[in-house]
Amino acid sequence: MANHKSSKKRILITEKRREVNVRQKSQAKTAVKKATKAIESKDTNVIVSALRAAESQLMKIAGRFMPKKRAARKVSRLTKAANKATVK
């Protein structure tokens, strides 16, 4: 266990940041799953709202928890699938 006051403070701050990071990653994964389900349902209104939410979450975590190009690729693939589902 830490002995210095600054070390104790850093431990508390690190734990808080870890919780925030885990929450953001989880929200992004959930948004992608919801968008995928919406695409499968083929309901245009649901697809549009789910896709917006997923893109927003992915771009928030891009550069911090996921490489920017990977996030962009995921958004691109979701958009492509959504367009394919709504055009038919």
Protein backbone atom coordinates (compact mmCIF):
# COMPACT_ATOMS: atom_id res chain seq x y z
CA MET A 1 0.00 0.00 0.00
CA ALA A 2 1.13 3.55 -0.65
CA ASN A 3 2.76 5.52 2.13
CA HIS A 4 2.93 9.02 0.67
CA LYS A 5 -0.05 11.31 0.50
CA SER A 6 0.50 11.93 -3.22
CA SER A 7 0.69 8.17 -3.90
CA LYS A 8 -2.61 7.60 -2.12
CA LYS A 9 -4.19 10.39 -4.14
CA ARG A 10 -2.87 8.96 -7.41
CA ILE A 11 -4.35 5.56 -6.54
CA LEU A 12 -7.78 7.15 -6.00
CA ILE A 13 -7.56 9.16 -9.22
CA THR A 14 -6.39 6.14 -11.21
CA GLU A 15 -9.32 4.07 -9.95
CA LYS A 16 -11.83 6.79 -10.89
CA ARG A 17 -10.32 7.12 -14.38
CA ARG A 18 -10.36 3.34 -14.83
CA GLU A 19 -14.08 3.25 -14.03
CA VAL A 20 -14.75 6.01 -16.56
CA ASN A 21 -12.66 4.24 -19.20
CA VAL A 22 -14.42 0.91 -18.66
CA ARG A 23 -17.81 2.63 -18.88
CA GLN A 24 -16.96 4.40 -22.13
CA LYS A 25 -15.64 1.23 -23.78
CA SER A 26 -18.71 -0.68 -22.67
CA GLN A 27 -21.07 2.00 -23.98
CA ALA A 28 -19.35 1.93 -27.36
CA LYS A 29 -19.59 -1.85 -27.60
CA THR A 30 -23.27 -1.74 -26.63
CA ALA A 31 -23.98 0.97 -29.22
CA VAL A 32 -22.35 -1.13 -31.95
CA LYS A 33 -24.39 -4.18 -30.92
CA LYS A 34 -27.61 -2.13 -30.97
CA ALA A 35 -26.77 -0.76 -34.41
CA THR A 36 -26.10 -4.28 -35.69
CA LYS A 37 -29.45 -5.49 -34.32
CA ALA A 38 -31.20 -2.48 -35.84
CA ILE A 39 -29.65 -3.25 -39.23
CA GLU A 40 -30.94 -6.82 -38.97
CA SER A 41 -34.45 -5.53 -38.15
CA LYS A 42 -34.43 -3.37 -41.34
CA ASP A 43 -36.49 -0.58 -39.71
CA THR A 44 -35.14 2.63 -41.23
CA ASN A 45 -35.88 4.96 -38.30
CA VAL A 46 -34.31 2.62 -35.78
CA ILE A 47 -31.27 2.07 -37.99
CA VAL A 48 -30.63 5.80 -38.37
CA SER A 49 -30.81 6.54 -34.64
CA ALA A 50 -28.76 3.49 -33.66
CA LEU A 51 -26.13 4.26 -36.29
CA ARG A 52 -25.78 7.84 -35.06
CA ALA A 53 -25.35 6.68 -31.48
CA ALA A 54 -22.79 4.05 -32.48
CA GLU A 55 -20.79 6.49 -34.58
CA SER A 56 -20.77 9.03 -31.77
CA GLN A 57 -19.58 6.50 -29.20
CA LEU A 58 -16.90 5.08 -31.50
CA MET A 59 -15.50 8.50 -32.33
CA LYS A 60 -15.41 9.38 -28.62
CA ILE A 61 -13.20 6.42 -27.83
CA ALA A 62 -11.12 6.69 -31.02
CA GLY A 63 -7.55 7.55 -30.22
CA ARG A 64 -7.88 6.70 -26.52
CA PHE A 65 -9.02 3.10 -26.31
CA MET A 66 -9.05 2.14 -29.94
CA PRO A 67 -6.92 3.26 -32.88
CA LYS A 68 -8.63 5.99 -34.91
CA LYS A 69 -8.48 3.96 -38.10
CA ARG A 70 -10.14 0.95 -36.45
CA ALA A 71 -12.97 3.14 -35.17
CA ALA A 72 -13.40 4.70 -38.61
CA ARG A 73 -13.42 1.24 -40.20
CA LYS A 74 -16.14 0.06 -37.81
CA VAL A 75 -18.25 3.13 -38.55
CA SER A 76 -17.73 2.65 -42.28
CA ARG A 77 -18.76 -1.00 -42.17
CA LEU A 78 -21.84 -0.24 -40.07
CA THR A 79 -22.85 2.56 -42.45
CA LYS A 80 -22.34 0.34 -45.48
CA ALA A 81 -24.48 -2.42 -43.93
CA ALA A 82 -27.16 0.11 -42.96
CA ASN A 83 -27.29 1.50 -46.48
CA LYS A 84 -27.57 -2.00 -47.88
CA ALA A 85 -30.42 -2.84 -45.48
CA THR A 86 -32.44 0.31 -46.17
CA VAL A 87 -32.07 0.42 -49.97
CA LYS A 88 -33.87 -2.86 -50.60
